[in-house]
Amino acid sequence: MNFEVIPFLSLNGQGAEAIAFYEQYLGAKVLFKKNYKEMKEMDPQFTYEDAQDDYITHSVLQIGVNKIMIAEEAMDSTRPWQLSNSFSLCFQSKDFSVIETLYNNLTKHNEVKPLTPFEKTSFSPGYGSVRDPFGIVIQLTVTRHDF
């Protein structure tokens, strides 16, 4: 199976600031970045509060040979945002069947809690998320991008 695992940071309104910091101090290269205003243009049903146009809905940065993803939202909406709810692992591949199989395998475990069903979204042909038995949120996404 060909896929990658990328740390995903949820920064509760500090995403753009963090991206700028990583660019300046770590030489990060922004491979992809979409803010709330741009997401609303893609998906008119996407809503957000006033003064959040520049909040990050999704980004991918390359730092050295590795990648990280940054957004604003907590990974598990059933829990309040806090530092321990600001990290997830994001499994991604262009191969739909690989990601779908991983999601289905994970959800067979009785201690894995599905957070988002695996389905088509405005940003992916297939996306879902789960919380594993150890409290780690795992996102699984079929990507259209080469990054």
N, C-alpha and C. Protein backbone atom coordinates (compact mmCIF):
# COMPACT_ATOMS: atom_id res chain seq x y z
N MET A 1 0.84 -1.18 0.00
CA MET A 1 0.00 0.00 0.00
C MET A 1 0.88 1.24 0.00
N ASN A 2 0.49 2.21 -0.79
CA ASN A 2 1.25 3.45 -0.89
C ASN A 2 0.47 4.60 -0.27
N PHE A 3 0.88 5.05 0.92
CA PHE A 3 0.27 6.19 1.57
C PHE A 3 1.28 6.80 2.52
N GLU A 4 0.96 7.98 3.04
CA GLU A 4 1.85 8.62 3.99
C GLU A 4 1.07 9.04 5.23
N VAL A 5 1.77 9.19 6.34
CA VAL A 5 1.19 9.63 7.60
C VAL A 5 1.79 11.00 7.91
N ILE A 6 0.91 11.99 8.11
CA ILE A 6 1.35 13.36 8.30
C ILE A 6 0.79 13.90 9.60
N PRO A 7 1.63 14.45 10.49
CA PRO A 7 1.10 15.10 11.69
C PRO A 7 0.20 16.27 11.29
N PHE A 8 -0.93 16.40 11.98
CA PHE A 8 -1.93 17.43 11.69
C PHE A 8 -2.15 18.23 12.96
N LEU A 9 -1.85 19.52 12.91
CA LEU A 9 -1.97 20.39 14.07
C LEU A 9 -3.23 21.25 13.95
N SER A 10 -4.04 21.27 14.99
CA SER A 10 -5.21 22.15 15.05
C SER A 10 -4.88 23.27 16.02
N LEU A 11 -4.93 24.50 15.53
CA LEU A 11 -4.35 25.60 16.30
C LEU A 11 -5.35 26.66 16.78
N ASN A 12 -6.64 26.39 16.65
CA ASN A 12 -7.66 27.20 17.32
C ASN A 12 -7.50 28.70 17.06
N GLY A 13 -7.35 29.08 15.80
CA GLY A 13 -7.26 30.49 15.45
C GLY A 13 -5.85 31.01 15.25
N GLN A 14 -4.86 30.18 15.46
CA GLN A 14 -3.47 30.62 15.31
C GLN A 14 -2.78 29.98 14.11
N GLY A 15 -3.56 29.36 13.21
CA GLY A 15 -2.98 28.65 12.08
C GLY A 15 -2.14 29.52 11.17
N ALA A 16 -2.67 30.67 10.75
CA ALA A 16 -1.92 31.55 9.84
C ALA A 16 -0.64 32.05 10.51
N GLU A 17 -0.73 32.37 11.79
CA GLU A 17 0.44 32.83 12.54
C GLU A 17 1.49 31.72 12.62
N ALA A 18 1.04 30.49 12.85
CA ALA A 18 1.98 29.36 12.93
C ALA A 18 2.65 29.11 11.59
N ILE A 19 1.88 29.20 10.51
CA ILE A 19 2.46 29.00 9.18
C ILE A 19 3.55 30.03 8.92
N ALA A 20 3.26 31.28 9.22
CA ALA A 20 4.25 32.34 9.02
C ALA A 20 5.50 32.09 9.88
N PHE A 21 5.29 31.64 11.11
CA PHE A 21 6.41 31.33 12.00
C PHE A 21 7.27 30.21 11.42
N TYR A 22 6.63 29.11 10.99
CA TYR A 22 7.38 27.98 10.44
C TYR A 22 8.10 28.35 9.15
N GLU A 23 7.48 29.22 8.33
CA GLU A 23 8.15 29.70 7.12
C GLU A 23 9.40 30.49 7.48
N GLN A 24 9.26 31.41 8.41
CA GLN A 24 10.37 32.30 8.75
C GLN A 24 11.49 31.60 9.51
N TYR A 25 11.12 30.76 10.48
CA TYR A 25 12.13 30.22 11.38
C TYR A 25 12.60 28.81 11.05
N LEU A 26 11.80 28.08 10.27
CA LEU A 26 12.19 26.71 9.92
C LEU A 26 12.33 26.51 8.42
N GLY A 27 12.12 27.56 7.65
CA GLY A 27 12.23 27.44 6.20
C GLY A 27 11.13 26.61 5.57
N ALA A 28 9.97 26.55 6.22
CA ALA A 28 8.85 25.77 5.69
C ALA A 28 8.42 26.31 4.33
N LYS A 29 8.03 25.40 3.47
CA LYS A 29 7.48 25.76 2.16
C LYS A 29 5.99 25.41 2.19
N VAL A 30 5.15 26.39 1.88
CA VAL A 30 3.70 26.14 1.85
C VAL A 30 3.37 25.44 0.54
N LEU A 31 2.90 24.19 0.65
CA LEU A 31 2.51 23.42 -0.53
C LEU A 31 1.05 23.63 -0.88
N PHE A 32 0.24 23.94 0.16
CA PHE A 32 -1.19 24.15 -0.03
C PHE A 32 -1.71 24.94 1.16
N LYS A 33 -2.60 25.90 0.89
CA LYS A 33 -3.21 26.66 1.98
C LYS A 33 -4.56 27.18 1.52
N LYS A 34 -5.58 26.95 2.31
CA LYS A 34 -6.92 27.46 2.02
C LYS A 34 -7.49 28.04 3.30
N ASN A 35 -7.98 29.29 3.21
CA ASN A 35 -8.57 29.91 4.38
C ASN A 35 -10.10 29.78 4.36
N TYR A 36 -10.74 30.24 5.43
CA TYR A 36 -12.20 30.10 5.55
C TYR A 36 -12.93 30.80 4.41
N LYS A 37 -12.47 31.99 4.03
CA LYS A 37 -13.13 32.72 2.95
C LYS A 37 -13.08 31.91 1.65
N GLU A 38 -11.93 31.34 1.34
CA GLU A 38 -11.79 30.53 0.12
C GLU A 38 -12.64 29.26 0.20
N MET A 39 -12.73 28.67 1.39
CA MET A 39 -13.54 27.47 1.57
C MET A 39 -15.02 27.79 1.34
N LYS A 40 -15.46 28.94 1.81
CA LYS A 40 -16.86 29.36 1.61
C LYS A 40 -17.16 29.52 0.12
N GLU A 41 -16.17 29.97 -0.65
CA GLU A 41 -16.36 30.09 -2.10
C GLU A 41 -16.50 28.72 -2.74
N MET A 42 -15.79 27.70 -2.20
CA MET A 42 -15.89 26.33 -2.72
C MET A 42 -17.18 25.66 -2.28
N ASP A 43 -17.58 25.94 -1.03
CA ASP A 43 -18.72 25.26 -0.41
C ASP A 43 -19.59 26.32 0.27
N PRO A 44 -20.63 26.80 -0.41
CA PRO A 44 -21.47 27.86 0.16
C PRO A 44 -22.12 27.50 1.50
N GLN A 45 -22.18 26.22 1.84
CA GLN A 45 -22.75 25.82 3.13
C GLN A 45 -21.74 25.91 4.28
N PHE A 46 -20.48 26.16 3.96
CA PHE A 46 -19.46 26.32 4.99
C PHE A 46 -19.73 27.63 5.73
N THR A 47 -19.78 27.57 7.05
CA THR A 47 -20.06 28.77 7.84
C THR A 47 -18.94 29.01 8.84
N TYR A 48 -18.78 30.27 9.19
CA TYR A 48 -17.80 30.66 10.20
C TYR A 48 -18.18 32.01 10.76
N GLU A 49 -17.57 32.37 11.87
CA GLU A 49 -17.88 33.61 12.55
C GLU A 49 -17.21 34.80 11.86
N ASP A 50 -17.77 35.99 12.11
CA ASP A 50 -17.19 37.22 11.58
C ASP A 50 -15.72 37.31 11.99
N ALA A 51 -14.93 37.97 11.18
CA ALA A 51 -13.50 38.21 11.43
C ALA A 51 -12.65 36.95 11.36
N GLN A 52 -13.18 35.87 10.76
CA GLN A 52 -12.40 34.64 10.63
C GLN A 52 -12.06 34.32 9.17
N ASP A 53 -12.16 35.30 8.28
CA ASP A 53 -11.86 35.08 6.86
C ASP A 53 -10.49 34.44 6.65
N ASP A 54 -9.51 34.86 7.43
CA ASP A 54 -8.14 34.39 7.24
C ASP A 54 -7.79 33.15 8.05
N TYR A 55 -8.75 32.60 8.81
CA TYR A 55 -8.50 31.35 9.53
C TYR A 55 -8.21 30.26 8.50
N ILE A 56 -7.38 29.32 8.88
CA ILE A 56 -6.95 28.27 7.96
C ILE A 56 -7.87 27.06 8.08
N THR A 57 -8.47 26.67 6.95
CA THR A 57 -9.28 25.46 6.96
C THR A 57 -8.43 24.22 6.64
N HIS A 58 -7.37 24.42 5.86
CA HIS A 58 -6.43 23.32 5.60
C HIS A 58 -5.15 23.88 5.00
N SER A 59 -4.03 23.30 5.40
CA SER A 59 -2.75 23.66 4.81
C SER A 59 -1.80 22.48 4.90
N VAL A 60 -0.84 22.48 3.99
CA VAL A 60 0.23 21.48 3.99
C VAL A 60 1.54 22.24 3.85
N LEU A 61 2.44 21.99 4.78
CA LEU A 61 3.76 22.62 4.75
C LEU A 61 4.81 21.53 4.64
N GLN A 62 5.87 21.83 3.93
CA GLN A 62 7.03 20.94 3.90
C GLN A 62 8.12 21.60 4.71
N ILE A 63 8.63 20.86 5.69
CA ILE A 63 9.74 21.33 6.50
C ILE A 63 10.83 20.27 6.36
N GLY A 64 11.90 20.62 5.69
CA GLY A 64 12.91 19.62 5.36
C GLY A 64 12.29 18.62 4.41
N VAL A 65 12.40 17.33 4.72
CA VAL A 65 11.81 16.29 3.86
C VAL A 65 10.45 15.84 4.37
N ASN A 66 9.98 16.44 5.47
CA ASN A 66 8.72 16.03 6.08
C ASN A 66 7.63 17.06 5.86
N LYS A 67 6.40 16.63 6.09
CA LYS A 67 5.25 17.51 5.94
C LYS A 67 4.49 17.59 7.26
N ILE A 68 3.83 18.72 7.45
CA ILE A 68 2.83 18.85 8.51
C ILE A 68 1.62 19.52 7.90
N MET A 69 0.47 19.30 8.52
CA MET A 69 -0.76 19.96 8.11
C MET A 69 -1.21 20.83 9.27
N ILE A 70 -1.80 21.97 8.95
CA ILE A 70 -2.28 22.90 9.96
C ILE A 70 -3.67 23.37 9.58
N ALA A 71 -4.56 23.42 10.56
CA ALA A 71 -5.89 24.00 10.43
C ALA A 71 -6.27 24.57 11.79
N GLU A 72 -7.50 25.03 11.92
CA GLU A 72 -7.94 25.67 13.16
C GLU A 72 -8.77 24.74 14.05
N GLU A 73 -9.61 23.91 13.45
CA GLU A 73 -10.63 23.18 14.18
C GLU A 73 -10.05 22.06 15.04
N ALA A 74 -10.73 21.81 16.18
CA ALA A 74 -10.40 20.65 17.00
C ALA A 74 -10.69 19.39 16.19
N MET A 75 -9.91 18.36 16.39
CA MET A 75 -10.07 17.13 15.62
C MET A 75 -11.26 16.30 16.07
N ASP A 76 -11.64 16.43 17.31
CA ASP A 76 -12.77 15.68 17.85
C ASP A 76 -13.77 16.69 18.38
N SER A 77 -14.82 16.96 17.60
CA SER A 77 -15.78 18.01 17.97
C SER A 77 -16.62 17.63 19.18
N THR A 78 -16.52 16.39 19.63
CA THR A 78 -17.27 16.00 20.83
C THR A 78 -16.53 16.41 22.10
N ARG A 79 -15.32 16.92 21.96
CA ARG A 79 -14.52 17.37 23.10
C ARG A 79 -14.12 18.82 22.88
N PRO A 80 -14.00 19.60 23.95
CA PRO A 80 -13.58 21.00 23.77
C PRO A 80 -12.14 21.08 23.29
N TRP A 81 -11.82 22.17 22.54
CA TRP A 81 -10.46 22.33 22.07
C TRP A 81 -9.54 22.51 23.27
N GLN A 82 -8.48 21.79 23.26
CA GLN A 82 -7.39 21.94 24.22
C GLN A 82 -6.17 21.34 23.56
N LEU A 83 -5.01 21.57 24.14
CA LEU A 83 -3.79 21.12 23.49
C LEU A 83 -3.83 19.65 23.13
N SER A 84 -4.38 18.80 23.97
CA SER A 84 -4.43 17.37 23.65
C SER A 84 -5.45 17.04 22.57
N ASN A 85 -6.31 18.00 22.22
CA ASN A 85 -7.28 17.80 21.15
C ASN A 85 -6.87 18.63 19.94
N SER A 86 -5.58 18.87 19.80
CA SER A 86 -5.11 19.72 18.72
C SER A 86 -4.15 18.98 17.78
N PHE A 87 -4.09 17.67 17.89
CA PHE A 87 -3.16 16.87 17.11
C PHE A 87 -3.90 15.66 16.55
N SER A 88 -3.57 15.31 15.33
CA SER A 88 -4.08 14.06 14.76
C SER A 88 -3.05 13.54 13.78
N LEU A 89 -3.23 12.30 13.39
CA LEU A 89 -2.45 11.74 12.29
C LEU A 89 -3.34 11.74 11.07
N CYS A 90 -2.80 12.18 9.95
CA CYS A 90 -3.57 12.22 8.72
C CYS A 90 -2.95 11.24 7.73
N PHE A 91 -3.69 10.21 7.40
CA PHE A 91 -3.27 9.23 6.40
C PHE A 91 -3.85 9.70 5.07
N GLN A 92 -3.01 9.83 4.04
CA GLN A 92 -3.52 10.28 2.75
C GLN A 92 -2.89 9.50 1.61
N SER A 93 -3.69 9.36 0.56
CA SER A 93 -3.25 8.70 -0.66
C SER A 93 -4.17 9.15 -1.78
N LYS A 94 -3.67 9.09 -2.99
CA LYS A 94 -4.53 9.32 -4.15
C LYS A 94 -5.38 8.08 -4.46
N ASP A 95 -5.00 6.96 -3.89
CA ASP A 95 -5.69 5.69 -4.14
C ASP A 95 -6.87 5.55 -3.19
N PHE A 96 -8.08 5.74 -3.73
CA PHE A 96 -9.31 5.68 -2.94
C PHE A 96 -9.42 4.38 -2.17
N SER A 97 -9.14 3.27 -2.84
CA SER A 97 -9.33 1.95 -2.20
C SER A 97 -8.39 1.76 -1.01
N VAL A 98 -7.20 2.32 -1.06
CA VAL A 98 -6.26 2.21 0.06
C VAL A 98 -6.84 2.91 1.29
N ILE A 99 -7.32 4.13 1.11
CA ILE A 99 -7.85 4.90 2.24
C ILE A 99 -9.15 4.29 2.75
N GLU A 100 -10.01 3.87 1.85
CA GLU A 100 -11.26 3.25 2.25
C GLU A 100 -11.00 1.96 3.06
N THR A 101 -10.04 1.16 2.61
CA THR A 101 -9.69 -0.08 3.32
C THR A 101 -9.14 0.22 4.71
N LEU A 102 -8.27 1.22 4.83
CA LEU A 102 -7.75 1.60 6.14
C LEU A 102 -8.88 2.04 7.07
N TYR A 103 -9.78 2.87 6.59
CA TYR A 103 -10.92 3.32 7.39
C TYR A 103 -11.77 2.13 7.84
N ASN A 104 -12.10 1.26 6.90
CA ASN A 104 -12.93 0.10 7.23
C ASN A 104 -12.23 -0.83 8.21
N ASN A 105 -10.93 -1.03 8.06
CA ASN A 105 -10.19 -1.87 9.00
C ASN A 105 -10.23 -1.28 10.41
N LEU A 106 -9.99 0.04 10.50
CA LEU A 106 -10.00 0.69 11.82
C LEU A 106 -11.36 0.59 12.49
N THR A 107 -12.42 0.81 11.74
CA THR A 107 -13.76 0.84 12.34
C THR A 107 -14.28 -0.55 12.71
N LYS A 108 -13.56 -1.59 12.36
CA LYS A 108 -13.92 -2.94 12.81
C LYS A 108 -13.61 -3.14 14.29
N HIS A 109 -12.65 -2.37 14.81
CA HIS A 109 -12.24 -2.49 16.22
C HIS A 109 -13.31 -1.87 17.11
N ASN A 110 -13.72 -2.60 18.14
CA ASN A 110 -14.83 -2.12 18.96
C ASN A 110 -14.48 -0.92 19.84
N GLU A 111 -13.22 -0.59 19.97
CA GLU A 111 -12.83 0.58 20.75
C GLU A 111 -12.45 1.78 19.88
N VAL A 112 -12.64 1.68 18.58
CA VAL A 112 -12.41 2.80 17.67
C VAL A 112 -13.74 3.52 17.49
N LYS A 113 -13.73 4.84 17.72
CA LYS A 113 -14.95 5.64 17.60
C LYS A 113 -14.91 6.43 16.30
N PRO A 114 -15.81 6.13 15.37
CA PRO A 114 -15.89 6.96 14.16
C PRO A 114 -16.33 8.38 14.53
N LEU A 115 -15.60 9.36 14.05
CA LEU A 115 -15.94 10.76 14.29
C LEU A 115 -16.61 11.38 13.07
N THR A 116 -16.15 10.96 11.89
CA THR A 116 -16.71 11.43 10.62
C THR A 116 -16.83 10.20 9.73
N PRO A 117 -18.01 9.95 9.16
CA PRO A 117 -18.11 8.80 8.25
C PRO A 117 -17.25 8.98 7.02
N PHE A 118 -16.77 7.89 6.47
CA PHE A 118 -15.97 7.95 5.25
C PHE A 118 -16.90 8.21 4.09
N GLU A 119 -16.76 9.40 3.48
CA GLU A 119 -17.62 9.76 2.37
C GLU A 119 -17.00 10.91 1.58
N LYS A 120 -17.59 11.20 0.44
CA LYS A 120 -17.14 12.30 -0.40
C LYS A 120 -17.44 13.62 0.32
N THR A 121 -16.50 14.56 0.21
CA THR A 121 -16.69 15.89 0.78
C THR A 121 -16.38 16.94 -0.29
N SER A 122 -16.49 18.20 0.08
CA SER A 122 -16.18 19.25 -0.89
C SER A 122 -14.69 19.32 -1.18
N PHE A 123 -13.86 18.71 -0.33
CA PHE A 123 -12.41 18.79 -0.52
C PHE A 123 -11.76 17.45 -0.84
N SER A 124 -12.54 16.36 -0.82
CA SER A 124 -11.94 15.05 -1.07
C SER A 124 -12.97 14.08 -1.62
N PRO A 125 -12.55 13.18 -2.52
CA PRO A 125 -13.45 12.13 -2.99
C PRO A 125 -13.78 11.11 -1.89
N GLY A 126 -12.98 11.10 -0.81
CA GLY A 126 -13.23 10.20 0.31
C GLY A 126 -12.49 10.70 1.55
N TYR A 127 -13.24 10.98 2.61
CA TYR A 127 -12.65 11.46 3.86
C TYR A 127 -13.44 10.91 5.04
N GLY A 128 -12.71 10.52 6.07
CA GLY A 128 -13.33 10.11 7.32
C GLY A 128 -12.33 10.25 8.45
N SER A 129 -12.82 10.24 9.68
CA SER A 129 -11.92 10.32 10.82
C SER A 129 -12.44 9.45 11.95
N VAL A 130 -11.50 8.97 12.77
CA VAL A 130 -11.82 8.10 13.91
C VAL A 130 -10.94 8.50 15.10
N ARG A 131 -11.38 8.11 16.28
CA ARG A 131 -10.51 8.21 17.46
C ARG A 131 -10.12 6.79 17.83
N ASP A 132 -8.83 6.52 17.91
CA ASP A 132 -8.36 5.17 18.20
C ASP A 132 -8.50 4.86 19.69
N PRO A 133 -8.24 3.62 20.11
CA PRO A 133 -8.41 3.25 21.51
C PRO A 133 -7.52 4.02 22.49
N PHE A 134 -6.55 4.73 21.95
CA PHE A 134 -5.60 5.45 22.80
C PHE A 134 -5.87 6.94 22.82
N GLY A 135 -6.98 7.36 22.17
CA GLY A 135 -7.36 8.76 22.17
C GLY A 135 -6.80 9.57 21.02
N ILE A 136 -6.05 8.94 20.11
CA ILE A 136 -5.46 9.65 18.97
C ILE A 136 -6.49 9.72 17.84
N VAL A 137 -6.70 10.93 17.32
CA VAL A 137 -7.58 11.09 16.17
C VAL A 137 -6.78 10.77 14.91
N ILE A 138 -7.38 9.93 14.06
CA ILE A 138 -6.78 9.56 12.79
C ILE A 138 -7.72 10.03 11.69
N GLN A 139 -7.19 10.88 10.81
CA GLN A 139 -7.94 11.31 9.63
C GLN A 139 -7.48 10.48 8.45
N LEU A 140 -8.41 10.13 7.60
CA LEU A 140 -8.09 9.34 6.40
C LEU A 140 -8.68 10.09 5.21
N THR A 141 -7.81 10.47 4.28
CA THR A 141 -8.29 11.29 3.17
C THR A 141 -7.71 10.83 1.84
N VAL A 142 -8.57 10.82 0.85
CA VAL A 142 -8.14 10.59 -0.52
C VAL A 142 -7.79 11.97 -1.06
N THR A 143 -6.54 12.16 -1.45
CA THR A 143 -6.08 13.47 -1.89
C THR A 143 -6.09 13.57 -3.40
N ARG A 144 -6.29 14.78 -3.86
CA ARG A 144 -6.20 15.07 -5.30
C ARG A 144 -4.87 15.73 -5.63
N HIS A 145 -4.09 16.05 -4.61
CA HIS A 145 -2.89 16.88 -4.78
C HIS A 145 -1.61 16.05 -4.78
N ASP A 146 -0.60 16.61 -5.42
CA ASP A 146 0.75 16.04 -5.38
C ASP A 146 1.59 16.82 -4.40
N PHE A 147 1.41 16.54 -3.13
CA PHE A 147 2.27 17.17 -2.13
C PHE A 147 2.55 16.21 -1.01
